[in-house]
PDB file of N, CA and C in Angstrom:
ATOM      1  N   GLN A   1     365.424 265.557 -38.709  1.00  0.00           N
ATOM      2  CA  GLN A   1     365.380 266.501 -37.637  1.00  0.00           C
ATOM      3  C   GLN A   1     365.641 265.614 -36.291  1.00  0.00           C
ATOM      4  N   VAL A   2     366.394 265.967 -35.447  1.00  0.00           N
ATOM      5  CA  VAL A   2     366.747 265.536 -34.216  1.00  0.00           C
ATOM      6  C   VAL A   2     365.386 265.551 -32.964  1.00  0.00           C
ATOM      7  N   GLN A   3     365.735 264.466 -32.577  1.00  0.00           N
ATOM      8  CA  GLN A   3     364.723 264.024 -31.294  1.00  0.00           C
ATOM      9  C   GLN A   3     365.408 264.264 -30.026  1.00  0.00           C
ATOM     10  N   LEU A   4     364.631 264.748 -29.347  1.00  0.00           N
ATOM     11  CA  LEU A   4     365.361 265.260 -27.842  1.00  0.00           C
ATOM     12  C   LEU A   4     364.637 264.651 -26.487  1.00  0.00           C
ATOM     13  N   VAL A   5     364.962 264.407 -25.860  1.00  0.00           N
ATOM     14  CA  VAL A   5     364.060 263.734 -24.899  1.00  0.00           C
ATOM     15  C   VAL A   5     364.886 263.923 -23.008  1.00  0.00           C
ATOM     16  N   GLU A   6     364.195 264.384 -22.459  1.00  0.00           N
ATOM     17  CA  GLU A   6     364.607 264.878 -21.017  1.00  0.00           C
ATOM     18  C   GLU A   6     364.612 264.191 -20.568  1.00  0.00           C
ATOM     19  N   SER A   7     365.485 264.277 -18.909  1.00  0.00           N
ATOM     20  CA  SER A   7     364.891 263.271 -17.958  1.00  0.00           C
ATOM     21  C   SER A   7     365.462 263.849 -16.677  1.00  0.00           C
ATOM     22  N   GLY A   8     365.414 263.208 -15.529  1.00  0.00           N
ATOM     23  CA  GLY A   8     365.734 263.697 -14.580  1.00  0.00           C
ATOM     24  C   GLY A   8     365.412 264.702 -13.531  1.00  0.00           C
ATOM     25  N   GLY A   9     364.422 265.343 -14.331  1.00  0.00           N
ATOM     26  CA  GLY A   9     363.527 266.213 -13.313  1.00  0.00           C
ATOM     27  C   GLY A   9     362.874 265.546 -12.023  1.00  0.00           C
ATOM     28  N   GLY A  10     362.227 266.138 -11.337  1.00  0.00           N
ATOM     29  CA  GLY A  10     361.353 265.848  -9.689  1.00  0.00           C
ATOM     30  C   GLY A  10     361.672 267.298  -8.519  1.00  0.00           C
ATOM     31  N   LEU A  11     361.196 266.800  -7.316  1.00  0.00           N
ATOM     32  CA  LEU A  11     361.427 267.369  -6.247  1.00  0.00           C
ATOM     33  C   LEU A  11     362.437 267.453  -5.466  1.00  0.00           C
ATOM     34  N   MET A  12     363.019 268.934  -5.610  1.00  0.00           N
ATOM     35  CA  MET A  12     364.370 268.455  -4.188  1.00  0.00           C
ATOM     36  C   MET A  12     363.881 269.837  -3.581  1.00  0.00           C
ATOM     37  N   GLN A  13     364.355 269.699  -2.318  1.00  0.00           N
ATOM     38  CA  GLN A  13     364.551 270.705  -1.673  1.00  0.00           C
ATOM     39  C   GLN A  13     365.604 271.701  -1.501  1.00  0.00           C
ATOM     40  N   ALA A  14     365.236 273.158  -1.230  1.00  0.00           N
ATOM     41  CA  ALA A  14     366.671 274.090  -1.101  1.00  0.00           C
ATOM     42  C   ALA A  14     367.721 273.811  -0.763  1.00  0.00           C
ATOM     43  N   GLY A  15     369.090 273.926  -1.646  1.00  0.00           N
ATOM     44  CA  GLY A  15     369.850 273.794  -1.560  1.00  0.00           C
ATOM     45  C   GLY A  15     370.698 272.339  -1.890  1.00  0.00           C
ATOM     46  N   GLY A  16     369.930 271.559  -2.523  1.00  0.00           N
ATOM     47  CA  GLY A  16     370.134 270.051  -3.017  1.00  0.00           C
ATOM     48  C   GLY A  16     370.413 270.606  -4.261  1.00  0.00           C
ATOM     49  N   SER A  17     370.475 269.291  -5.137  1.00  0.00           N
ATOM     50  CA  SER A  17     371.096 269.309  -6.482  1.00  0.00           C
ATOM     51  C   SER A  17     370.211 268.428  -7.258  1.00  0.00           C
ATOM     52  N   LEU A  18     370.317 268.022  -8.674  1.00  0.00           N
ATOM     53  CA  LEU A  18     369.797 267.306  -9.643  1.00  0.00           C
ATOM     54  C   LEU A  18     370.424 267.378 -10.715  1.00  0.00           C
ATOM     55  N   ARG A  19     371.020 266.386 -11.474  1.00  0.00           N
ATOM     56  CA  ARG A  19     370.989 266.625 -12.926  1.00  0.00           C
ATOM     57  C   ARG A  19     370.039 265.828 -13.689  1.00  0.00           C
ATOM     58  N   LEU A  20     370.075 266.981 -14.715  1.00  0.00           N
ATOM     59  CA  LEU A  20     369.042 266.556 -15.871  1.00  0.00           C
ATOM     60  C   LEU A  20     369.914 265.916 -17.025  1.00  0.00           C
ATOM     61  N   SER A  21     369.670 265.386 -18.111  1.00  0.00           N
ATOM     62  CA  SER A  21     370.393 264.746 -18.933  1.00  0.00           C
ATOM     63  C   SER A  21     369.219 264.878 -19.977  1.00  0.00           C
ATOM     64  N   CYS A  22     369.594 265.028 -21.224  1.00  0.00           N
ATOM     65  CA  CYS A  22     368.734 265.059 -22.608  1.00  0.00           C
ATOM     66  C   CYS A  22     369.599 264.274 -23.637  1.00  0.00           C
ATOM     67  N   ALA A  23     368.694 263.243 -24.185  1.00  0.00           N
ATOM     68  CA  ALA A  23     369.712 262.186 -25.252  1.00  0.00           C
ATOM     69  C   ALA A  23     368.732 262.976 -26.329  1.00  0.00           C
ATOM     70  N   ALA A  24     369.846 262.706 -27.825  1.00  0.00           N
ATOM     71  CA  ALA A  24     369.578 262.952 -28.467  1.00  0.00           C
ATOM     72  C   ALA A  24     369.592 262.171 -29.855  1.00  0.00           C
ATOM     73  N   SER A  25     368.559 261.872 -30.627  1.00  0.00           N
ATOM     74  CA  SER A  25     368.918 260.825 -31.961  1.00  0.00           C
ATOM     75  C   SER A  25     369.612 261.128 -32.862  1.00  0.00           C
ATOM     76  N   GLY A  26     369.953 260.620 -33.509  1.00  0.00           N
ATOM     77  CA  GLY A  26     370.631 260.657 -34.805  1.00  0.00           C
ATOM     78  C   GLY A  26     372.313 260.836 -34.419  1.00  0.00           C
ATOM     79  N   ARG A  27     372.864 260.981 -36.259  1.00  0.00           N
ATOM     80  CA  ARG A  27     374.391 260.536 -35.617  1.00  0.00           C
ATOM     81  C   ARG A  27     375.225 262.085 -35.921  1.00  0.00           C
ATOM     82  N   THR A  28     374.694 263.161 -35.888  1.00  0.00           N
ATOM     83  CA  THR A  28     375.570 264.155 -36.087  1.00  0.00           C
ATOM     84  C   THR A  28     375.472 265.067 -34.744  1.00  0.00           C
ATOM     85  N   PHE A  29     375.129 264.208 -33.867  1.00  0.00           N
ATOM     86  CA  PHE A  29     375.151 265.248 -32.304  1.00  0.00           C
ATOM     87  C   PHE A  29     376.402 266.000 -32.062  1.00  0.00           C
ATOM     88  N   SER A  30     377.201 265.382 -32.076  1.00  0.00           N
ATOM     89  CA  SER A  30     378.881 265.923 -31.923  1.00  0.00           C
ATOM     90  C   SER A  30     378.982 267.501 -32.875  1.00  0.00           C
ATOM     91  N   SER A  31     378.232 267.602 -33.544  1.00  0.00           N
ATOM     92  CA  SER A  31     378.524 269.140 -34.783  1.00  0.00           C
ATOM     93  C   SER A  31     377.734 270.101 -34.838  1.00  0.00           C
ATOM     94  N   TYR A  32     376.792 270.164 -33.275  1.00  0.00           N
ATOM     95  CA  TYR A  32     375.985 271.521 -32.956  1.00  0.00           C
ATOM     96  C   TYR A  32     376.213 271.879 -31.936  1.00  0.00           C
ATOM     97  N   ALA A  33     375.627 273.044 -31.817  1.00  0.00           N
ATOM     98  CA  ALA A  33     375.106 273.590 -30.104  1.00  0.00           C
ATOM     99  C   ALA A  33     373.832 273.256 -29.326  1.00  0.00           C
ATOM    100  N   MET A  34     374.416 273.046 -28.442  1.00  0.00           N
ATOM    101  CA  MET A  34     373.126 272.667 -27.512  1.00  0.00           C
ATOM    102  C   MET A  34     373.097 273.923 -26.336  1.00  0.00           C
ATOM    103  N   GLY A  35     371.802 273.639 -26.261  1.00  0.00           N
ATOM    104  CA  GLY A  35     371.056 274.681 -24.999  1.00  0.00           C
ATOM    105  C   GLY A  35     370.346 273.956 -23.894  1.00  0.00           C
ATOM    106  N   TRP A  36     369.842 274.509 -22.683  1.00  0.00           N
ATOM    107  CA  TRP A  36     368.973 274.537 -21.586  1.00  0.00           C
ATOM    108  C   TRP A  36     367.916 276.126 -21.809  1.00  0.00           C
ATOM    109  N   PHE A  37     366.825 275.595 -21.246  1.00  0.00           N
ATOM    110  CA  PHE A  37     365.922 276.654 -20.974  1.00  0.00           C
ATOM    111  C   PHE A  37     365.250 276.275 -20.410  1.00  0.00           C
ATOM    112  N   ARG A  38     364.385 277.369 -19.684  1.00  0.00           N
ATOM    113  CA  ARG A  38     363.233 276.952 -18.265  1.00  0.00           C
ATOM    114  C   ARG A  38     362.354 277.985 -18.558  1.00  0.00           C
ATOM    115  N   GLN A  39     361.067 277.397 -18.314  1.00  0.00           N
ATOM    116  CA  GLN A  39     359.935 278.139 -18.308  1.00  0.00           C
ATOM    117  C   GLN A  39     359.031 277.961 -16.953  1.00  0.00           C
ATOM    118  N   ARG A  40     359.084 278.963 -16.377  1.00  0.00           N
ATOM    119  CA  ARG A  40     358.254 279.158 -14.984  1.00  0.00           C
ATOM    120  C   ARG A  40     356.563 279.572 -15.806  1.00  0.00           C
ATOM    121  N   PRO A  41     355.940 279.469 -14.953  1.00  0.00           N
ATOM    122  CA  PRO A  41     354.143 279.342 -15.308  1.00  0.00           C
ATOM    123  C   PRO A  41     354.395 280.945 -15.383  1.00  0.00           C
ATOM    124  N   GLY A  42     353.303 281.443 -16.321  1.00  0.00           N
ATOM    125  CA  GLY A  42     352.756 282.727 -17.092  1.00  0.00           C
ATOM    126  C   GLY A  42     353.965 283.926 -17.210  1.00  0.00           C
ATOM    127  N   LYS A  43     355.554 282.301 -17.878  1.00  0.00           N
ATOM    128  CA  LYS A  43     356.631 283.368 -17.990  1.00  0.00           C
ATOM    129  C   LYS A  43     357.231 282.888 -19.289  1.00  0.00           C
ATOM    130  N   GLU A  44     357.938 283.913 -19.525  1.00  0.00           N
ATOM    131  CA  GLU A  44     358.530 283.417 -21.184  1.00  0.00           C
ATOM    132  C   GLU A  44     359.354 282.008 -20.943  1.00  0.00           C
ATOM    133  N   ARG A  45     360.077 281.691 -22.007  1.00  0.00           N
ATOM    134  CA  ARG A  45     361.320 280.336 -22.058  1.00  0.00           C
ATOM    135  C   ARG A  45     362.360 281.739 -21.824  1.00  0.00           C
ATOM    136  N   ALA A  46     363.573 281.177 -20.625  1.00  0.00           N
ATOM    137  CA  ALA A  46     364.032 281.885 -20.265  1.00  0.00           C
ATOM    138  C   ALA A  46     365.608 280.870 -20.659  1.00  0.00           C
ATOM    139  N   PHE A  47     366.390 281.408 -21.159  1.00  0.00           N
ATOM    140  CA  PHE A  47     368.004 281.145 -21.463  1.00  0.00           C
ATOM    141  C   PHE A  47     368.494 280.653 -19.869  1.00  0.00           C
ATOM    142  N   VAL A  48     369.301 279.275 -19.800  1.00  0.00           N
ATOM    143  CA  VAL A  48     369.828 278.801 -18.712  1.00  0.00           C
ATOM    144  C   VAL A  48     371.301 278.508 -19.228  1.00  0.00           C
ATOM    145  N   ALA A  49     371.766 278.090 -20.178  1.00  0.00           N
ATOM    146  CA  ALA A  49     372.899 277.591 -20.409  1.00  0.00           C
ATOM    147  C   ALA A  49     373.391 276.720 -22.096  1.00  0.00           C
ATOM    148  N   SER A  50     374.450 277.208 -22.668  1.00  0.00           N
ATOM    149  CA  SER A  50     374.649 276.581 -23.949  1.00  0.00           C
ATOM    150  C   SER A  50     375.657 276.411 -24.217  1.00  0.00           C
ATOM    151  N   ILE A  51     375.707 275.364 -24.736  1.00  0.00           N
ATOM    152  CA  ILE A  51     377.613 275.020 -24.785  1.00  0.00           C
ATOM    153  C   ILE A  51     377.779 274.517 -26.338  1.00  0.00           C
ATOM    154  N   SER A  52     379.131 274.883 -26.716  1.00  0.00           N
ATOM    155  CA  SER A  52     379.569 274.199 -28.456  1.00  0.00           C
ATOM    156  C   SER A  52     379.568 272.991 -28.437  1.00  0.00           C
ATOM    157  N   TRP A  53     379.550 272.647 -29.957  1.00  0.00           N
ATOM    158  CA  TRP A  53     379.656 271.391 -30.474  1.00  0.00           C
ATOM    159  C   TRP A  53     380.878 270.503 -29.898  1.00  0.00           C
ATOM    160  N   SER A  54     381.814 271.129 -29.515  1.00  0.00           N
ATOM    161  CA  SER A  54     382.599 269.955 -28.744  1.00  0.00           C
ATOM    162  C   SER A  54     382.990 270.381 -27.583  1.00  0.00           C
ATOM    163  N   GLY A  55     382.018 271.133 -27.099  1.00  0.00           N
ATOM    164  CA  GLY A  55     382.108 271.116 -24.864  1.00  0.00           C
ATOM    165  C   GLY A  55     383.164 272.316 -24.720  1.00  0.00           C
ATOM    166  N   ASP A  56     383.722 272.976 -25.365  1.00  0.00           N
ATOM    167  CA  ASP A  56     384.588 273.581 -24.827  1.00  0.00           C
ATOM    168  C   ASP A  56     384.165 274.842 -24.296  1.00  0.00           C
ATOM    169  N   SER A  57     383.434 275.417 -24.930  1.00  0.00           N
ATOM    170  CA  SER A  57     382.736 277.165 -24.594  1.00  0.00           C
ATOM    171  C   SER A  57     381.531 276.646 -24.190  1.00  0.00           C
ATOM    172  N   THR A  58     380.775 277.186 -23.269  1.00  0.00           N
ATOM    173  CA  THR A  58     379.827 277.303 -22.089  1.00  0.00           C
ATOM    174  C   THR A  58     379.180 278.875 -21.947  1.00  0.00           C
ATOM    175  N   TYR A  59     378.270 278.643 -21.672  1.00  0.00           N
ATOM    176  CA  TYR A  59     377.565 280.032 -21.734  1.00  0.00           C
ATOM    177  C   TYR A  59     376.611 279.822 -20.683  1.00  0.00           C
ATOM    178  N   TYR A  60     376.223 280.901 -19.621  1.00  0.00           N
ATOM    179  CA  TYR A  60     375.190 281.068 -18.295  1.00  0.00           C
ATOM    180  C   TYR A  60     374.295 281.793 -18.423  1.00  0.00           C
ATOM    181  N   GLY A  61     373.350 281.837 -18.031  1.00  0.00           N
ATOM    182  CA  GLY A  61     372.396 282.900 -17.588  1.00  0.00           C
ATOM    183  C   GLY A  61     372.885 283.411 -16.517  1.00  0.00           C
ATOM    184  N   ASN A  62     372.731 284.593 -16.177  1.00  0.00           N
ATOM    185  CA  ASN A  62     373.073 285.089 -14.755  1.00  0.00           C
ATOM    186  C   ASN A  62     372.432 285.146 -13.561  1.00  0.00           C
ATOM    187  N   SER A  63     371.520 284.305 -13.485  1.00  0.00           N
ATOM    188  CA  SER A  63     370.441 283.546 -12.473  1.00  0.00           C
ATOM    189  C   SER A  63     371.541 282.204 -12.463  1.00  0.00           C
ATOM    190  N   VAL A  64     371.887 281.680 -13.151  1.00  0.00           N
ATOM    191  CA  VAL A  64     372.703 280.214 -12.460  1.00  0.00           C
ATOM    192  C   VAL A  64     374.290 280.427 -12.772  1.00  0.00           C
ATOM    193  N   LYS A  65     374.536 281.041 -13.076  1.00  0.00           N
ATOM    194  CA  LYS A  65     376.236 281.083 -12.642  1.00  0.00           C
ATOM    195  C   LYS A  65     376.570 281.008 -11.682  1.00  0.00           C
ATOM    196  N   GLY A  66     377.570 279.895 -12.001  1.00  0.00           N
ATOM    197  CA  GLY A  66     378.289 279.626  -9.939  1.00  0.00           C
ATOM    198  C   GLY A  66     377.437 278.516  -9.682  1.00  0.00           C
ATOM    199  N   ARG A  67     376.316 278.158 -10.045  1.00  0.00           N
ATOM    200  CA  ARG A  67     375.470 277.148  -9.451  1.00  0.00           C
ATOM    201  C   ARG A  67     375.133 275.825 -10.441  1.00  0.00           C
ATOM    202  N   PHE A  68     375.200 276.071 -11.773  1.00  0.00           N
ATOM    203  CA  PHE A  68     374.804 275.013 -12.814  1.00  0.00           C
ATOM    204  C   PHE A  68     375.803 274.851 -13.460  1.00  0.00           C
ATOM    205  N   THR A  69     376.091 273.621 -14.400  1.00  0.00           N
ATOM    206  CA  THR A  69     377.037 273.221 -14.891  1.00  0.00           C
ATOM    207  C   THR A  69     376.699 272.537 -16.133  1.00  0.00           C
ATOM    208  N   ILE A  70     376.867 273.197 -17.349  1.00  0.00           N
ATOM    209  CA  ILE A  70     376.587 272.103 -18.521  1.00  0.00           C
ATOM    210  C   ILE A  70     377.666 271.393 -18.982  1.00  0.00           C
ATOM    211  N   SER A  71     377.317 270.414 -19.691  1.00  0.00           N
ATOM    212  CA  SER A  71     378.221 269.449 -20.527  1.00  0.00           C
ATOM    213  C   SER A  71     377.643 268.796 -21.564  1.00  0.00           C
ATOM    214  N   ARG A  72     378.230 267.878 -22.077  1.00  0.00           N
ATOM    215  CA  ARG A  72     378.119 267.231 -23.383  1.00  0.00           C
ATOM    216  C   ARG A  72     379.070 265.880 -23.001  1.00  0.00           C
ATOM    217  N   ASP A  73     378.055 264.741 -23.862  1.00  0.00           N
ATOM    218  CA  ASP A  73     379.508 263.531 -24.061  1.00  0.00           C
ATOM    219  C   ASP A  73     378.736 263.083 -25.368  1.00  0.00           C
ATOM    220  N   ASN A  74     379.484 263.571 -26.290  1.00  0.00           N
ATOM    221  CA  ASN A  74     379.264 263.281 -28.085  1.00  0.00           C
ATOM    222  C   ASN A  74     379.511 261.782 -28.125  1.00  0.00           C
ATOM    223  N   ALA A  75     379.894 261.019 -27.340  1.00  0.00           N
ATOM    224  CA  ALA A  75     380.130 259.649 -27.709  1.00  0.00           C
ATOM    225  C   ALA A  75     378.730 258.777 -27.328  1.00  0.00           C
ATOM    226  N   LYS A  76     377.913 259.431 -26.601  1.00  0.00           N
ATOM    227  CA  LYS A  76     376.785 259.051 -25.786  1.00  0.00           C
ATOM    228  C   LYS A  76     375.239 259.928 -26.324  1.00  0.00           C
ATOM    229  N   ASN A  77     375.616 260.736 -27.028  1.00  0.00           N
ATOM    230  CA  ASN A  77     374.478 261.692 -27.828  1.00  0.00           C
ATOM    231  C   ASN A  77     373.964 262.161 -26.490  1.00  0.00           C
ATOM    232  N   THR A  78     374.427 262.807 -25.572  1.00  0.00           N
ATOM    233  CA  THR A  78     373.857 263.037 -24.439  1.00  0.00           C
ATOM    234  C   THR A  78     374.392 264.531 -23.752  1.00  0.00           C
ATOM    235  N   LEU A  79     373.483 265.163 -23.858  1.00  0.00           N
ATOM    236  CA  LEU A  79     373.851 266.367 -23.035  1.00  0.00           C
ATOM    237  C   LEU A  79     373.287 266.513 -21.362  1.00  0.00           C
ATOM    238  N   TYR A  80     374.007 267.192 -20.332  1.00  0.00           N
ATOM    239  CA  TYR A  80     373.678 267.103 -19.260  1.00  0.00           C
ATOM    240  C   TYR A  80     373.412 268.753 -18.693  1.00  0.00           C
ATOM    241  N   LEU A  81     372.768 269.043 -17.369  1.00  0.00           N
ATOM    242  CA  LEU A  81     372.535 270.268 -16.453  1.00  0.00           C
ATOM    243  C   LEU A  81     372.985 269.989 -15.109  1.00  0.00           C
ATOM    244  N   GLN A  82     374.013 269.705 -14.678  1.00  0.00           N
ATOM    245  CA  GLN A  82     374.098 269.650 -13.324  1.00  0.00           C
ATOM    246  C   GLN A  82     373.680 270.995 -12.236  1.00  0.00           C
ATOM    247  N   MET A  83     372.319 270.779 -11.423  1.00  0.00           N
ATOM    248  CA  MET A  83     371.995 272.081 -10.976  1.00  0.00           C
ATOM    249  C   MET A  83     372.166 271.414  -9.406  1.00  0.00           C
ATOM    250  N   ASN A  84     373.224 272.941  -8.696  1.00  0.00           N
ATOM    251  CA  ASN A  84     373.506 272.706  -7.205  1.00  0.00           C
ATOM    252  C   ASN A  84     373.258 273.811  -6.694  1.00  0.00           C
ATOM    253  N   SER A  85     373.112 273.696  -5.661  1.00  0.00           N
ATOM    254  CA  SER A  85     372.527 275.037  -4.262  1.00  0.00           C
ATOM    255  C   SER A  85     370.630 275.305  -5.021  1.00  0.00           C
ATOM    256  N   LEU A  86     370.398 274.528  -5.010  1.00  0.00           N
ATOM    257  CA  LEU A  86     368.729 274.929  -5.539  1.00  0.00           C
ATOM    258  C   LEU A  86     368.217 275.826  -5.094  1.00  0.00           C
ATOM    259  N   LYS A  87     367.467 276.693  -5.528  1.00  0.00           N
ATOM    260  CA  LYS A  87     366.595 277.567  -4.815  1.00  0.00           C
ATOM    261  C   LYS A  87     365.103 277.334  -5.498  1.00  0.00           C
ATOM    262  N   PRO A  88     364.109 277.981  -4.500  1.00  0.00           N
ATOM    263  CA  PRO A  88     362.547 277.570  -5.067  1.00  0.00           C
ATOM    264  C   PRO A  88     362.514 278.689  -6.350  1.00  0.00           C
ATOM    265  N   GLY A  89     363.059 279.911  -6.755  1.00  0.00           N
ATOM    266  CA  GLY A  89     363.279 280.552  -7.655  1.00  0.00           C
ATOM    267  C   GLY A  89     363.579 279.281  -9.066  1.00  0.00           C
ATOM    268  N   ASP A  90     363.986 278.643  -8.905  1.00  0.00           N
ATOM    269  CA  ASP A  90     364.577 277.621 -10.045  1.00  0.00           C
ATOM    270  C   ASP A  90     363.844 276.556 -10.611  1.00  0.00           C
ATOM    271  N   THR A  91     362.665 276.602  -9.613  1.00  0.00           N
ATOM    272  CA  THR A  91     361.314 275.731 -10.019  1.00  0.00           C
ATOM    273  C   THR A  91     360.851 276.448 -11.334  1.00  0.00           C
ATOM    274  N   ALA A  92     360.754 275.376 -12.676  1.00  0.00           N
ATOM    275  CA  ALA A  92     360.166 275.249 -13.852  1.00  0.00           C
ATOM    276  C   ALA A  92     360.282 274.374 -14.688  1.00  0.00           C
ATOM    277  N   VAL A  93     359.983 274.353 -15.864  1.00  0.00           N
ATOM    278  CA  VAL A  93     359.888 273.001 -16.539  1.00  0.00           C
ATOM    279  C   VAL A  93     361.305 273.469 -17.368  1.00  0.00           C
ATOM    280  N   TYR A  94     361.919 272.385 -17.601  1.00  0.00           N
ATOM    281  CA  TYR A  94     363.710 272.540 -18.220  1.00  0.00           C
ATOM    282  C   TYR A  94     363.371 271.990 -19.577  1.00  0.00           C
ATOM    283  N   TYR A  95     363.808 272.723 -20.680  1.00  0.00           N
ATOM    284  CA  TYR A  95     363.974 272.158 -21.959  1.00  0.00           C
ATOM    285  C   TYR A  95     365.688 272.282 -22.582  1.00  0.00           C
ATOM    286  N   CYS A  96     365.575 271.163 -22.820  1.00  0.00           N
ATOM    287  CA  CYS A  96     366.799 271.013 -24.276  1.00  0.00           C
ATOM    288  C   CYS A  96     366.408 270.775 -25.543  1.00  0.00           C
ATOM    289  N   ALA A  97     367.532 272.273 -25.990  1.00  0.00           N
ATOM    290  CA  ALA A  97     367.376 272.498 -27.486  1.00  0.00           C
ATOM    291  C   ALA A  97     369.000 272.318 -28.019  1.00  0.00           C
ATOM    292  N   ALA A  98     368.429 272.013 -29.437  1.00  0.00           N
ATOM    293  CA  ALA A  98     369.358 271.764 -30.668  1.00  0.00           C
ATOM    294  C   ALA A  98     369.606 272.923 -31.773  1.00  0.00           C
ATOM    295  N   ALA A  99     370.522 273.666 -31.836  1.00  0.00           N
ATOM    296  CA  ALA A  99     370.773 274.326 -33.001  1.00  0.00           C
ATOM    297  C   ALA A  99     371.865 273.882 -33.823  1.00  0.00           C
ATOM    298  N   GLN A 100     370.998 273.292 -34.821  1.00  0.00           N
ATOM    299  CA  GLN A 100     371.521 272.392 -35.839  1.00  0.00           C
ATOM    300  C   GLN A 100     372.403 272.778 -36.707  1.00  0.00           C
ATOM    301  N   LYS A 101     372.527 274.154 -36.904  1.00  0.00           N
ATOM    302  CA  LYS A 101     373.004 274.893 -38.015  1.00  0.00           C
ATOM    303  C   LYS A 101     374.323 275.573 -37.240  1.00  0.00           C
ATOM    304  N   ARG A 102     374.013 275.635 -36.336  1.00  0.00           N
ATOM    305  CA  ARG A 102     375.259 276.108 -35.585  1.00  0.00           C
ATOM    306  C   ARG A 102     376.544 275.300 -34.787  1.00  0.00           C
ATOM    307  N   MET A 103     377.443 275.784 -34.549  1.00  0.00           N
ATOM    308  CA  MET A 103     378.287 275.230 -33.765  1.00  0.00           C
ATOM    309  C   MET A 103     378.656 275.869 -32.532  1.00  0.00           C
ATOM    310  N   VAL A 104     378.091 277.251 -32.235  1.00  0.00           N
ATOM    311  CA  VAL A 104     378.196 277.940 -30.932  1.00  0.00           C
ATOM    312  C   VAL A 104     377.041 279.194 -31.177  1.00  0.00           C
ATOM    313  N   VAL A 105     376.602 278.626 -30.134  1.00  0.00           N
ATOM    314  CA  VAL A 105     375.609 279.867 -29.929  1.00  0.00           C
ATOM    315  C   VAL A 105     375.414 280.229 -28.266  1.00  0.00           C
ATOM    316  N   ALA A 106     375.813 281.136 -27.915  1.00  0.00           N
ATOM    317  CA  ALA A 106     376.180 282.032 -27.080  1.00  0.00           C
ATOM    318  C   ALA A 106     374.867 282.510 -26.310  1.00  0.00           C
ATOM    319  N   GLY A 107     373.696 282.160 -26.375  1.00  0.00           N
ATOM    320  CA  GLY A 107     372.229 282.384 -26.007  1.00  0.00           C
ATOM    321  C   GLY A 107     372.323 284.185 -25.978  1.00  0.00           C
ATOM    322  N   PRO A 108     371.260 284.506 -25.598  1.00  0.00           N
ATOM    323  CA  PRO A 108     369.919 283.796 -24.946  1.00  0.00           C
ATOM    324  C   PRO A 108     368.684 283.565 -25.463  1.00  0.00           C
ATOM    325  N   ASP A 109     369.136 283.635 -27.273  1.00  0.00           N
ATOM    326  CA  ASP A 109     367.353 283.883 -27.835  1.00  0.00           C
ATOM    327  C   ASP A 109     367.248 282.904 -28.388  1.00  0.00           C
ATOM    328  N   PRO A 110     365.676 281.952 -27.980  1.00  0.00           N
ATOM    329  CA  PRO A 110     365.542 280.692 -28.321  1.00  0.00           C
ATOM    330  C   PRO A 110     365.259 280.743 -29.544  1.00  0.00           C
ATOM    331  N   ALA A 111     365.182 281.610 -30.531  1.00  0.00           N
ATOM    332  CA  ALA A 111     364.834 281.722 -31.580  1.00  0.00           C
ATOM    333  C   ALA A 111     366.215 281.035 -32.526  1.00  0.00           C
ATOM    334  N   ASP A 112     367.328 280.705 -31.795  1.00  0.00           N
ATOM    335  CA  ASP A 112     368.458 280.293 -32.468  1.00  0.00           C
ATOM    336  C   ASP A 112     368.562 278.639 -32.034  1.00  0.00           C
ATOM    337  N   PHE A 113     367.442 277.973 -31.748  1.00  0.00           N
ATOM    338  CA  PHE A 113     367.673 276.683 -31.726  1.00  0.00           C
ATOM    339  C   PHE A 113     366.366 276.181 -32.423  1.00  0.00           C
ATOM    340  N   ASP A 114     366.441 275.472 -33.103  1.00  0.00           N
ATOM    341  CA  ASP A 114     365.348 274.575 -34.282  1.00  0.00           C
ATOM    342  C   ASP A 114     364.839 273.316 -33.702  1.00  0.00           C
ATOM    343  N   SER A 115     365.675 272.701 -32.537  1.00  0.00           N
ATOM    344  CA  SER A 115     364.853 271.611 -32.184  1.00  0.00           C
ATOM    345  C   SER A 115     364.920 271.525 -30.507  1.00  0.00           C
ATOM    346  N   TRP A 116     363.593 271.112 -29.698  1.00  0.00           N
ATOM    347  CA  TRP A 116     363.033 271.577 -28.770  1.00  0.00           C
ATOM    348  C   TRP A 116     362.693 269.906 -28.123  1.00  0.00           C
ATOM    349  N   GLY A 117     363.035 269.463 -26.684  1.00  0.00           N
ATOM    350  CA  GLY A 117     362.685 268.778 -26.011  1.00  0.00           C
ATOM    351  C   GLY A 117     361.111 268.876 -25.614  1.00  0.00           C
ATOM    352  N   GLN A 118     360.819 267.506 -24.813  1.00  0.00           N
ATOM    353  CA  GLN A 118     359.224 267.974 -23.997  1.00  0.00           C
ATOM    354  C   GLN A 118     359.335 268.332 -23.004  1.00  0.00           C
ATOM    355  N   GLY A 119     360.460 268.674 -22.333  1.00  0.00           N
ATOM    356  CA  GLY A 119     360.013 269.377 -20.945  1.00  0.00           C
ATOM    357  C   GLY A 119     360.296 268.591 -19.775  1.00  0.00           C
ATOM    358  N   THR A 120     360.813 268.761 -18.774  1.00  0.00           N
ATOM    359  CA  THR A 120     360.836 268.073 -17.574  1.00  0.00           C
ATOM    360  C   THR A 120     361.022 269.006 -16.314  1.00  0.00           C
ATOM    361  N   GLN A 121     359.876 268.736 -15.644  1.00  0.00           N
ATOM    362  CA  GLN A 121     359.937 269.235 -14.355  1.00  0.00           C
ATOM    363  C   GLN A 121     360.676 269.412 -13.522  1.00  0.00           C
ATOM    364  N   VAL A 122     361.120 270.508 -12.670  1.00  0.00           N
ATOM    365  CA  VAL A 122     361.938 270.535 -11.377  1.00  0.00           C
ATOM    366  C   VAL A 122     361.430 271.353 -10.754  1.00  0.00           C
ATOM    367  N   THR A 123     360.930 271.193  -9.334  1.00  0.00           N
ATOM    368  CA  THR A 123     360.504 272.087  -8.406  1.00  0.00           C
ATOM    369  C   THR A 123     361.250 272.032  -7.177  1.00  0.00           C
ATOM    370  N   VAL A 124     361.370 272.954  -6.403  1.00  0.00           N
ATOM    371  CA  VAL A 124     362.245 273.334  -5.553  1.00  0.00           C
ATOM    372  C   VAL A 124     361.646 273.912  -4.446  1.00  0.00           C
ATOM    373  N   SER A 125     361.202 272.706  -3.486  1.00  0.00           N
ATOM    374  CA  SER A 125     360.916 273.219  -2.054  1.00  0.00           C
ATOM    375  C   SER A 125     361.631 273.832  -1.253  1.00  0.00           C
ATOM    376  N   SER A 126     361.138 275.210  -0.175  1.00  0.00           N
ATOM    377  CA  SER A 126     361.994 275.973   0.417  1.00  0.00           C
ATOM    378  C   SER A 126     361.433 275.312   1.537  1.00  0.00           C
TER     379      SER A 126
END
C-alpha cells in the first residue's frame, strides 16, 4: 500500500498562491493516477483535480478550473497542486489520493481512489 504525505498548506490572504506537495512511497508511483480532494468543516470530501499516470491528462472540479494546476514528477514520486487566485471558499483540508488500480481517473468519486494522505490545512483569509 502506498504511503502519502502532504505538505505546503498554511494561511494565505485572498488572491495569493500556495503550492501543495504530496510525497509517495513505493517504486510504482508512475503507474497509476493521482488526485487531490478537499473537505470543509461539516461537508463531504470534494474533488479538486486528478492526473493520469503519465501526467498527460488532467481533470478539474468546476470551482477550481483556471486557478489550480495539478502536476506530478514521477522521478521524485511527488504530486503537486499549484493554487492561484485563492479565495476564502478554498479554505479546507486538502488530501492527496492514489488510484493504484487505475491509470486514469477523471474524478470526481472518492471511491475511485484507494490510498489517502493525512491532509494539510489551507486557510484563506479575506
